[in-house]
Structure formats: C-alpha cells, structure tokens
Amino acid sequence: MITLRHVSRIYPSPAGEVHALRDVSLDIAPHSFCAVTGPSGCGKSTLLNLLGGLDQPTSGQITVDGLALHGAGEAELTAYRRERLGIIFQFFNLLPAMTAVENVELPLLLRGDSTKQARARAGEMLELVGLTPRTHAFPHQLSGGEMQRAAVARALVHRPALVLADEPTGNLDSDNAARILELFQKIASQRLATLIMVTHSPEAAAAANRQIALMDGQLST
C-alpha cells in the first residue's frame, strides 16, 4: 500500500514560492497499475520524485511498502531505492557498452549477488519481456521498443515493491508503446509490483486500471 496524507511540496524561487504539490492525500493499492496525468507543471514529476525518495515533502506524510519516506534518513532512503524501487525512463538509460543481459543483471551485481544468481535472474526477466533472443545484443543493436523492454526487465530484476515509469512510451511508436503498456498490465496482473506511470498520453493512461489526475499541484476531480 502507498499512502499520501496532506502532502505539499513548496520550492523557493526568486519570484516567490512555487507550490508544486498542494495538500495531496491518496491511497494506492498493492499491485495496481496507476497512471498519473495532467499538463506540464501540474506536479507529476514532483510526485514521482517524492515516491522515489529523491525529494522530501515540505509537509505531510508518505508511506511506501511500510516505510515512512517523510521521516527516513539518507541511509534508509538509499536502501529503499536500491532494494524496493524500480525506475523506467523515457530514454531507456541502458549502458551502451553492456549487452541486454548485462544491463539487466547490473543492479543485482551492485548489491552483491553472485554472478551466477544475477545472470539467472536477468534471464528470467528477459524472458518475461520477450527478449530472450536478444539476450546478448548491445543497445545499439536493439530497436526502441526492445530497449524499453530491456529497461523494464532491469527495473524488475531485484523484485521491487514499486516501479515508477516516467513517460515510458513517449519515445516509442504506437505499436511499441502498445506492447509496453501490455507488459505493464501483465506486471500488475501477475502481482509482480505496484506500477505508477507518469504520462501526457491519454492513450497510455487508458491502459492503466486507475488514473490519478493532477492540476496545479492538486488532485483533479
């Protein structure tokens, strides 16, 4: 369960305070697929940063997977990001000198898993996303859709409780975008993780089982 209670985030600026989020309260059930929508500047990225433990609320409480992010120290937040969080970016962020399987297994190697364990788990995740035939391909040998599927596998490889996706279909054509969204639905239906996707696309948002709309830092009804 993810809970936000009266969460606000205010940033100082030379022109005065910027209220990125204003008194946001919501609950997100485990293993759901939620789309966060709204125009540029509405607070979507701020919400993602707060849920990712990359920023702290000015006021309010945020709890993810039993951890109170609003009161956590840096060591706790680092462990949270390493162990319980997966992130999927618009531009894939794969390391170009590593193959698909090497990119996917990297989070496990960085936390100290054995090479054998990491490679086996990475292989499972590449199978899940339909990339087994491309296991040893480098990013420049993959299509955009294949690179994003590899990024999804990497985000899931360490069994996170929460996956945050920032405009994951924004750099894909319609066919590959649809395939990624089907994969997200599969992740939720198989209870692999809770998935929260920020998107400007109404078509992408429609694939989620819940939509959360923001407007001027507030939940929009």
C-alpha atoms as a PDB file:
ATOM      1  CA  MET A   1       0.000   0.000   0.000  1.00  0.00           C
ATOM      2  CA  ILE A   2       1.131   3.525  -0.806  1.00  0.00           C
ATOM      3  CA  THR A   3      -0.381   6.330   1.244  1.00  0.00           C
ATOM      4  CA  LEU A   4      -0.013  10.093   0.986  1.00  0.00           C
ATOM      5  CA  ARG A   5      -1.543  12.281   3.676  1.00  0.00           C
ATOM      6  CA  HIS A   6      -1.774  16.049   3.195  1.00  0.00           C
ATOM      7  CA  VAL A   7       1.434  16.138   1.157  1.00  0.00           C
ATOM      8  CA  SER A   8       2.679  19.512  -0.014  1.00  0.00           C
ATOM      9  CA  ARG A   9       5.941  20.440  -1.711  1.00  0.00           C
ATOM     10  CA  ILE A  10       6.972  24.073  -1.911  1.00  0.00           C
ATOM     11  CA  TYR A  11      10.105  25.261  -3.699  1.00  0.00           C
ATOM     12  CA  PRO A  12      11.629  28.698  -3.139  1.00  0.00           C
ATOM     13  CA  SER A  13      12.284  30.856  -6.176  1.00  0.00           C
ATOM     14  CA  PRO A  14      13.308  34.486  -6.822  1.00  0.00           C
ATOM     15  CA  ALA A  15       9.727  35.207  -7.901  1.00  0.00           C
ATOM     16  CA  GLY A  16       8.243  33.680  -4.758  1.00  0.00           C
ATOM     17  CA  GLU A  17       7.251  30.228  -3.531  1.00  0.00           C
ATOM     18  CA  VAL A  18       6.312  27.569  -6.086  1.00  0.00           C
ATOM     19  CA  HIS A  19       3.636  25.181  -4.809  1.00  0.00           C
ATOM     20  CA  ALA A  20       4.405  22.033  -6.777  1.00  0.00           C
ATOM     21  CA  LEU A  21       2.002  19.907  -4.714  1.00  0.00           C
ATOM     22  CA  ARG A  22      -0.805  21.166  -2.503  1.00  0.00           C
ATOM     23  CA  ASP A  23      -2.307  19.020   0.266  1.00  0.00           C
ATOM     24  CA  VAL A  24      -2.432  15.772  -1.727  1.00  0.00           C
ATOM     25  CA  SER A  25      -3.941  12.731   0.023  1.00  0.00           C
ATOM     26  CA  LEU A  26      -4.454   9.390  -1.711  1.00  0.00           C
ATOM     27  CA  ASP A  27      -4.100   5.613  -1.329  1.00  0.00           C
ATOM     28  CA  ILE A  28      -2.741   3.265  -3.976  1.00  0.00           C
ATOM     29  CA  ALA A  29      -3.427  -0.446  -3.572  1.00  0.00           C
ATOM     30  CA  PRO A  30      -0.638  -3.020  -3.934  1.00  0.00           C
ATOM     31  CA  HIS A  31      -0.009  -4.475  -7.403  1.00  0.00           C
ATOM     32  CA  SER A  32      -2.092  -1.859  -9.167  1.00  0.00           C
ATOM     33  CA  PHE A  33      -1.196  -0.043 -12.387  1.00  0.00           C
ATOM     34  CA  CYS A  34      -1.822   3.682 -11.960  1.00  0.00           C
ATOM     35  CA  ALA A  35      -1.399   6.463 -14.493  1.00  0.00           C
ATOM     36  CA  VAL A  36      -0.664   9.988 -13.260  1.00  0.00           C
ATOM     37  CA  THR A  37      -1.853  12.562 -15.771  1.00  0.00           C
ATOM     38  CA  GLY A  38      -2.048  16.315 -16.104  1.00  0.00           C
ATOM     39  CA  PRO A  39      -0.490  19.218 -18.018  1.00  0.00           C
ATOM     40  CA  SER A  40       3.161  20.238 -17.741  1.00  0.00           C
ATOM     41  CA  GLY A  41       3.860  21.882 -14.396  1.00  0.00           C
ATOM     42  CA  CYS A  42       0.956  20.204 -12.603  1.00  0.00           C
ATOM     43  CA  GLY A  43       3.164  18.302 -10.133  1.00  0.00           C
ATOM     44  CA  LYS A  44       3.580  14.901 -11.821  1.00  0.00           C
ATOM     45  CA  SER A  45       7.383  14.875 -11.683  1.00  0.00           C
ATOM     46  CA  THR A  46       7.368  16.176  -8.119  1.00  0.00           C
ATOM     47  CA  LEU A  47       5.075  13.335  -7.082  1.00  0.00           C
ATOM     48  CA  LEU A  48       7.358  10.817  -8.790  1.00  0.00           C
ATOM     49  CA  ASN A  49      10.437  12.249  -7.065  1.00  0.00           C
ATOM     50  CA  LEU A  50       8.739  12.081  -3.674  1.00  0.00           C
ATOM     51  CA  LEU A  51       7.650   8.475  -4.181  1.00  0.00           C
ATOM     52  CA  GLY A  52      11.155   7.634  -5.345  1.00  0.00           C
ATOM     53  CA  GLY A  53      12.732   9.028  -2.189  1.00  0.00           C
ATOM     54  CA  LEU A  54      14.620  11.597  -4.254  1.00  0.00           C
ATOM     55  CA  ASP A  55      12.916  14.542  -2.561  1.00  0.00           C
ATOM     56  CA  GLN A  56      11.154  15.223   0.731  1.00  0.00           C
ATOM     57  CA  PRO A  57       7.733  16.824   1.206  1.00  0.00           C
ATOM     58  CA  THR A  58       7.560  20.257   2.754  1.00  0.00           C
ATOM     59  CA  SER A  59       4.700  18.902   4.858  1.00  0.00           C
ATOM     60  CA  GLY A  60       2.634  15.736   5.059  1.00  0.00           C
ATOM     61  CA  GLN A  61       3.349  12.022   5.210  1.00  0.00           C
ATOM     62  CA  ILE A  62       4.291   9.449   2.553  1.00  0.00           C
ATOM     63  CA  THR A  63       4.441   5.722   3.280  1.00  0.00           C
ATOM     64  CA  VAL A  64       5.527   3.142   0.708  1.00  0.00           C
ATOM     65  CA  ASP A  65       5.711  -0.579   1.454  1.00  0.00           C
ATOM     66  CA  GLY A  66       5.662   0.161   5.192  1.00  0.00           C
ATOM     67  CA  LEU A  67       8.466   2.741   5.074  1.00  0.00           C
ATOM     68  CA  ALA A  68       7.710   6.329   6.110  1.00  0.00           C
ATOM     69  CA  LEU A  69       9.617   8.215   3.424  1.00  0.00           C
ATOM     70  CA  HIS A  70       8.912  11.597   5.014  1.00  0.00           C
ATOM     71  CA  GLY A  71      10.860  10.638   8.145  1.00  0.00           C
ATOM     72  CA  ALA A  72      13.549   8.411   6.643  1.00  0.00           C
ATOM     73  CA  GLY A  73      17.246   9.213   6.818  1.00  0.00           C
ATOM     74  CA  GLU A  74      19.530   9.136   3.814  1.00  0.00           C
ATOM     75  CA  ALA A  75      20.775   5.615   4.570  1.00  0.00           C
ATOM     76  CA  GLU A  76      17.191   4.324   4.715  1.00  0.00           C
ATOM     77  CA  LEU A  77      16.283   6.129   1.506  1.00  0.00           C
ATOM     78  CA  THR A  78      19.345   4.751  -0.273  1.00  0.00           C
ATOM     79  CA  ALA A  79      18.414   1.217   0.786  1.00  0.00           C
ATOM     80  CA  TYR A  80      14.816   1.831  -0.286  1.00  0.00           C
ATOM     81  CA  ARG A  81      15.873   2.958  -3.757  1.00  0.00           C
ATOM     82  CA  ARG A  82      18.276   0.031  -4.092  1.00  0.00           C
ATOM     83  CA  GLU A  83      16.039  -2.748  -2.777  1.00  0.00           C
ATOM     84  CA  ARG A  84      12.384  -1.760  -3.133  1.00  0.00           C
ATOM     85  CA  LEU A  85      12.220   0.627  -6.086  1.00  0.00           C
ATOM     86  CA  GLY A  86      12.484   0.200  -9.842  1.00  0.00           C
ATOM     87  CA  ILE A  87      12.567   3.126 -12.292  1.00  0.00           C
ATOM     88  CA  ILE A  88      11.807   3.186 -16.023  1.00  0.00           C
ATOM     89  CA  PHE A  89      12.809   6.273 -18.019  1.00  0.00           C
ATOM     90  CA  GLN A  90      11.615   7.715 -21.312  1.00  0.00           C
ATOM     91  CA  PHE A  91      15.050   7.377 -22.933  1.00  0.00           C
ATOM     92  CA  PHE A  92      15.859   3.876 -21.623  1.00  0.00           C
ATOM     93  CA  ASN A  93      19.210   4.764 -19.924  1.00  0.00           C
ATOM     94  CA  LEU A  94      20.869   1.488 -20.894  1.00  0.00           C
ATOM     95  CA  LEU A  95      24.667   1.366 -20.682  1.00  0.00           C
ATOM     96  CA  PRO A  96      25.888   1.200 -24.306  1.00  0.00           C
ATOM     97  CA  ALA A  97      28.948  -0.966 -23.626  1.00  0.00           C
ATOM     98  CA  MET A  98      26.868  -3.714 -21.979  1.00  0.00           C
ATOM     99  CA  THR A  99      24.601  -6.304 -23.575  1.00  0.00           C
ATOM    100  CA  ALA A 100      20.932  -6.560 -22.707  1.00  0.00           C
ATOM    101  CA  VAL A 101      21.527  -9.251 -20.097  1.00  0.00           C
ATOM    102  CA  GLU A 102      24.466  -7.356 -18.605  1.00  0.00           C
ATOM    103  CA  ASN A 103      22.331  -4.225 -18.269  1.00  0.00           C
ATOM    104  CA  VAL A 104      19.558  -6.193 -16.587  1.00  0.00           C
ATOM    105  CA  GLU A 105      21.784  -8.055 -14.140  1.00  0.00           C
ATOM    106  CA  LEU A 106      23.757  -4.961 -13.112  1.00  0.00           C
ATOM    107  CA  PRO A 107      21.502  -3.928 -10.162  1.00  0.00           C
ATOM    108  CA  LEU A 108      21.945  -7.396  -8.662  1.00  0.00           C
ATOM    109  CA  LEU A 109      25.720  -7.357  -9.055  1.00  0.00           C
ATOM    110  CA  LEU A 110      25.891  -3.911  -7.469  1.00  0.00           C
ATOM    111  CA  ARG A 111      24.072  -5.149  -4.385  1.00  0.00           C
ATOM    112  CA  GLY A 112      26.394  -8.139  -4.063  1.00  0.00           C
ATOM    113  CA  ASP A 113      24.578 -11.066  -5.689  1.00  0.00           C
ATOM    114  CA  SER A 114      26.763 -13.734  -7.254  1.00  0.00           C
ATOM    115  CA  THR A 115      27.362 -13.620 -10.993  1.00  0.00           C
ATOM    116  CA  LYS A 116      25.525 -16.927 -11.412  1.00  0.00           C
ATOM    117  CA  GLN A 117      22.480 -15.765  -9.457  1.00  0.00           C
ATOM    118  CA  ALA A 118      22.366 -12.414 -11.222  1.00  0.00           C
ATOM    119  CA  ARG A 119      22.640 -13.948 -14.690  1.00  0.00           C
ATOM    120  CA  ALA A 120      19.894 -16.491 -13.974  1.00  0.00           C
ATOM    121  CA  ARG A 121      17.506 -13.852 -12.635  1.00  0.00           C
ATOM    122  CA  ALA A 122      18.280 -11.497 -15.544  1.00  0.00           C
ATOM    123  CA  GLY A 123      17.479 -14.316 -17.948  1.00  0.00           C
ATOM    124  CA  GLU A 124      14.101 -14.810 -16.261  1.00  0.00           C
ATOM    125  CA  MET A 125      13.271 -11.140 -16.646  1.00  0.00           C
ATOM    126  CA  LEU A 126      14.324 -11.019 -20.292  1.00  0.00           C
ATOM    127  CA  GLU A 127      12.041 -13.996 -20.907  1.00  0.00           C
ATOM    128  CA  LEU A 128       9.199 -12.157 -19.158  1.00  0.00           C
ATOM    129  CA  VAL A 129       9.551  -9.170 -21.507  1.00  0.00           C
ATOM    130  CA  GLY A 130      10.048 -11.320 -24.607  1.00  0.00           C
ATOM    131  CA  LEU A 131      13.726 -10.540 -25.196  1.00  0.00           C
ATOM    132  CA  THR A 132      15.379 -13.935 -24.771  1.00  0.00           C
ATOM    133  CA  PRO A 133      16.516 -13.981 -28.436  1.00  0.00           C
ATOM    134  CA  ARG A 134      18.208 -10.588 -27.881  1.00  0.00           C
ATOM    135  CA  THR A 135      19.991 -11.513 -24.637  1.00  0.00           C
ATOM    136  CA  HIS A 136      23.479 -10.748 -25.927  1.00  0.00           C
ATOM    137  CA  ALA A 137      22.620  -7.785 -28.161  1.00  0.00           C
ATOM    138  CA  PHE A 138      24.038  -4.358 -27.334  1.00  0.00           C
ATOM    139  CA  PRO A 139      21.675  -1.374 -27.022  1.00  0.00           C
ATOM    140  CA  HIS A 140      22.645  -0.012 -30.456  1.00  0.00           C
ATOM    141  CA  GLN A 141      21.510  -3.330 -31.945  1.00  0.00           C
ATOM    142  CA  LEU A 142      18.058  -3.090 -30.342  1.00  0.00           C
ATOM    143  CA  SER A 143      15.003  -1.213 -31.539  1.00  0.00           C
ATOM    144  CA  GLY A 144      13.468   1.476 -29.339  1.00  0.00           C
ATOM    145  CA  GLY A 145      10.780  -0.921 -28.170  1.00  0.00           C
ATOM    146  CA  GLU A 146      13.356  -3.603 -27.388  1.00  0.00           C
ATOM    147  CA  MET A 147      15.472  -1.141 -25.413  1.00  0.00           C
ATOM    148  CA  GLN A 148      12.441  -0.132 -23.357  1.00  0.00           C
ATOM    149  CA  ARG A 149      11.575  -3.776 -22.689  1.00  0.00           C
ATOM    150  CA  ALA A 150      15.157  -4.333 -21.511  1.00  0.00           C
ATOM    151  CA  ALA A 151      14.724  -1.308 -19.238  1.00  0.00           C
ATOM    152  CA  VAL A 152      11.530  -2.842 -17.834  1.00  0.00           C
ATOM    153  CA  ALA A 153      13.396  -6.097 -17.150  1.00  0.00           C
ATOM    154  CA  ARG A 154      16.138  -4.151 -15.373  1.00  0.00           C
ATOM    155  CA  ALA A 155      13.584  -2.312 -13.234  1.00  0.00           C
ATOM    156  CA  LEU A 156      12.012  -5.612 -12.132  1.00  0.00           C
ATOM    157  CA  VAL A 157      15.101  -7.754 -11.689  1.00  0.00           C
ATOM    158  CA  HIS A 158      15.555  -7.102  -7.955  1.00  0.00           C
ATOM    159  CA  ARG A 159      11.860  -7.729  -7.161  1.00  0.00           C
ATOM    160  CA  PRO A 160      10.923  -4.164  -6.157  1.00  0.00           C
ATOM    161  CA  ALA A 161       7.652  -3.368  -4.407  1.00  0.00           C
ATOM    162  CA  LEU A 162       7.180  -0.241  -6.537  1.00  0.00           C
ATOM    163  CA  VAL A 163       8.079   0.616 -10.130  1.00  0.00           C
ATOM    164  CA  LEU A 164       7.958   4.248 -11.270  1.00  0.00           C
ATOM    165  CA  ALA A 165       7.735   4.890 -15.007  1.00  0.00           C
ATOM    166  CA  ASP A 166       8.392   8.408 -16.316  1.00  0.00           C
ATOM    167  CA  GLU A 167       6.807   8.868 -19.778  1.00  0.00           C
ATOM    168  CA  PRO A 168       7.835   5.299 -20.739  1.00  0.00           C
ATOM    169  CA  THR A 169       6.057   5.402 -24.103  1.00  0.00           C
ATOM    170  CA  GLY A 170       6.992   8.967 -25.006  1.00  0.00           C
ATOM    171  CA  ASN A 171       9.868   7.931 -27.278  1.00  0.00           C
ATOM    172  CA  LEU A 172       8.127   4.979 -28.945  1.00  0.00           C
ATOM    173  CA  ASP A 173       5.923   4.497 -31.963  1.00  0.00           C
ATOM    174  CA  SER A 174       2.335   3.406 -31.402  1.00  0.00           C
ATOM    175  CA  ASP A 175       2.970  -0.321 -31.869  1.00  0.00           C
ATOM    176  CA  ASN A 176       5.875  -0.437 -29.435  1.00  0.00           C
ATOM    177  CA  ALA A 177       4.023   1.812 -26.988  1.00  0.00           C
ATOM    178  CA  ALA A 178       1.098  -0.617 -27.009  1.00  0.00           C
ATOM    179  CA  ARG A 179       3.457  -3.517 -26.338  1.00  0.00           C
ATOM    180  CA  ILE A 180       4.999  -1.741 -23.342  1.00  0.00           C
ATOM    181  CA  LEU A 181       1.564  -0.951 -21.935  1.00  0.00           C
ATOM    182  CA  GLU A 182       0.503  -4.579 -22.321  1.00  0.00           C
ATOM    183  CA  LEU A 183       3.639  -5.528 -20.422  1.00  0.00           C
ATOM    184  CA  PHE A 184       2.733  -3.110 -17.618  1.00  0.00           C
ATOM    185  CA  GLN A 185      -0.724  -4.690 -17.410  1.00  0.00           C
ATOM    186  CA  LYS A 186       0.949  -8.093 -17.174  1.00  0.00           C
ATOM    187  CA  ILE A 187       3.209  -6.885 -14.349  1.00  0.00           C
ATOM    188  CA  ALA A 188       0.187  -5.721 -12.366  1.00  0.00           C
ATOM    189  CA  SER A 189      -1.985  -8.767 -13.107  1.00  0.00           C
ATOM    190  CA  GLN A 190       0.801 -11.158 -12.083  1.00  0.00           C
ATOM    191  CA  ARG A 191       1.300  -9.116  -8.888  1.00  0.00           C
ATOM    192  CA  LEU A 192       4.970  -8.521  -9.630  1.00  0.00           C
ATOM    193  CA  ALA A 193       4.954  -4.892  -8.441  1.00  0.00           C
ATOM    194  CA  THR A 194       2.862  -1.778  -7.989  1.00  0.00           C
ATOM    195  CA  LEU A 195       3.388   0.372 -11.085  1.00  0.00           C
ATOM    196  CA  ILE A 196       2.914   4.142 -11.258  1.00  0.00           C
ATOM    197  CA  MET A 197       3.303   5.739 -14.682  1.00  0.00           C
ATOM    198  CA  VAL A 198       3.500   9.459 -15.410  1.00  0.00           C
ATOM    199  CA  THR A 199       2.233  10.245 -18.885  1.00  0.00           C
ATOM    200  CA  HIS A 200       0.901  13.023 -21.082  1.00  0.00           C
ATOM    201  CA  SER A 201      -0.734  10.459 -23.367  1.00  0.00           C
ATOM    202  CA  PRO A 202      -4.462   9.778 -22.929  1.00  0.00           C
ATOM    203  CA  GLU A 203      -3.988   6.504 -24.817  1.00  0.00           C
ATOM    204  CA  ALA A 204      -1.281   5.355 -22.417  1.00  0.00           C
ATOM    205  CA  ALA A 205      -3.298   6.441 -19.393  1.00  0.00           C
ATOM    206  CA  ALA A 206      -6.302   4.461 -20.619  1.00  0.00           C
ATOM    207  CA  ALA A 207      -4.287   1.232 -20.317  1.00  0.00           C
ATOM    208  CA  ALA A 208      -3.934   1.659 -16.548  1.00  0.00           C
ATOM    209  CA  ASN A 209      -6.528   0.332 -14.123  1.00  0.00           C
ATOM    210  CA  ARG A 210      -6.561   3.668 -12.306  1.00  0.00           C
ATOM    211  CA  GLN A 211      -5.959   7.258 -13.384  1.00  0.00           C
ATOM    212  CA  ILE A 212      -4.804   9.989 -10.990  1.00  0.00           C
ATOM    213  CA  ALA A 213      -5.213  13.467 -12.476  1.00  0.00           C
ATOM    214  CA  LEU A 214      -3.270  16.464 -11.189  1.00  0.00           C
ATOM    215  CA  MET A 215      -3.947  20.122 -11.871  1.00  0.00           C
ATOM    216  CA  ASP A 216      -1.934  22.964 -10.319  1.00  0.00           C
ATOM    217  CA  GLY A 217      -0.451  20.620  -7.720  1.00  0.00           C
ATOM    218  CA  GLN A 218      -3.795  19.267  -6.565  1.00  0.00           C
ATOM    219  CA  LEU A 219      -5.835  16.171  -7.296  1.00  0.00           C
ATOM    220  CA  SER A 220      -8.267  16.985 -10.086  1.00  0.00           C
ATOM    221  CA  THR A 221     -11.791  15.605  -9.864  1.00  0.00           C
END
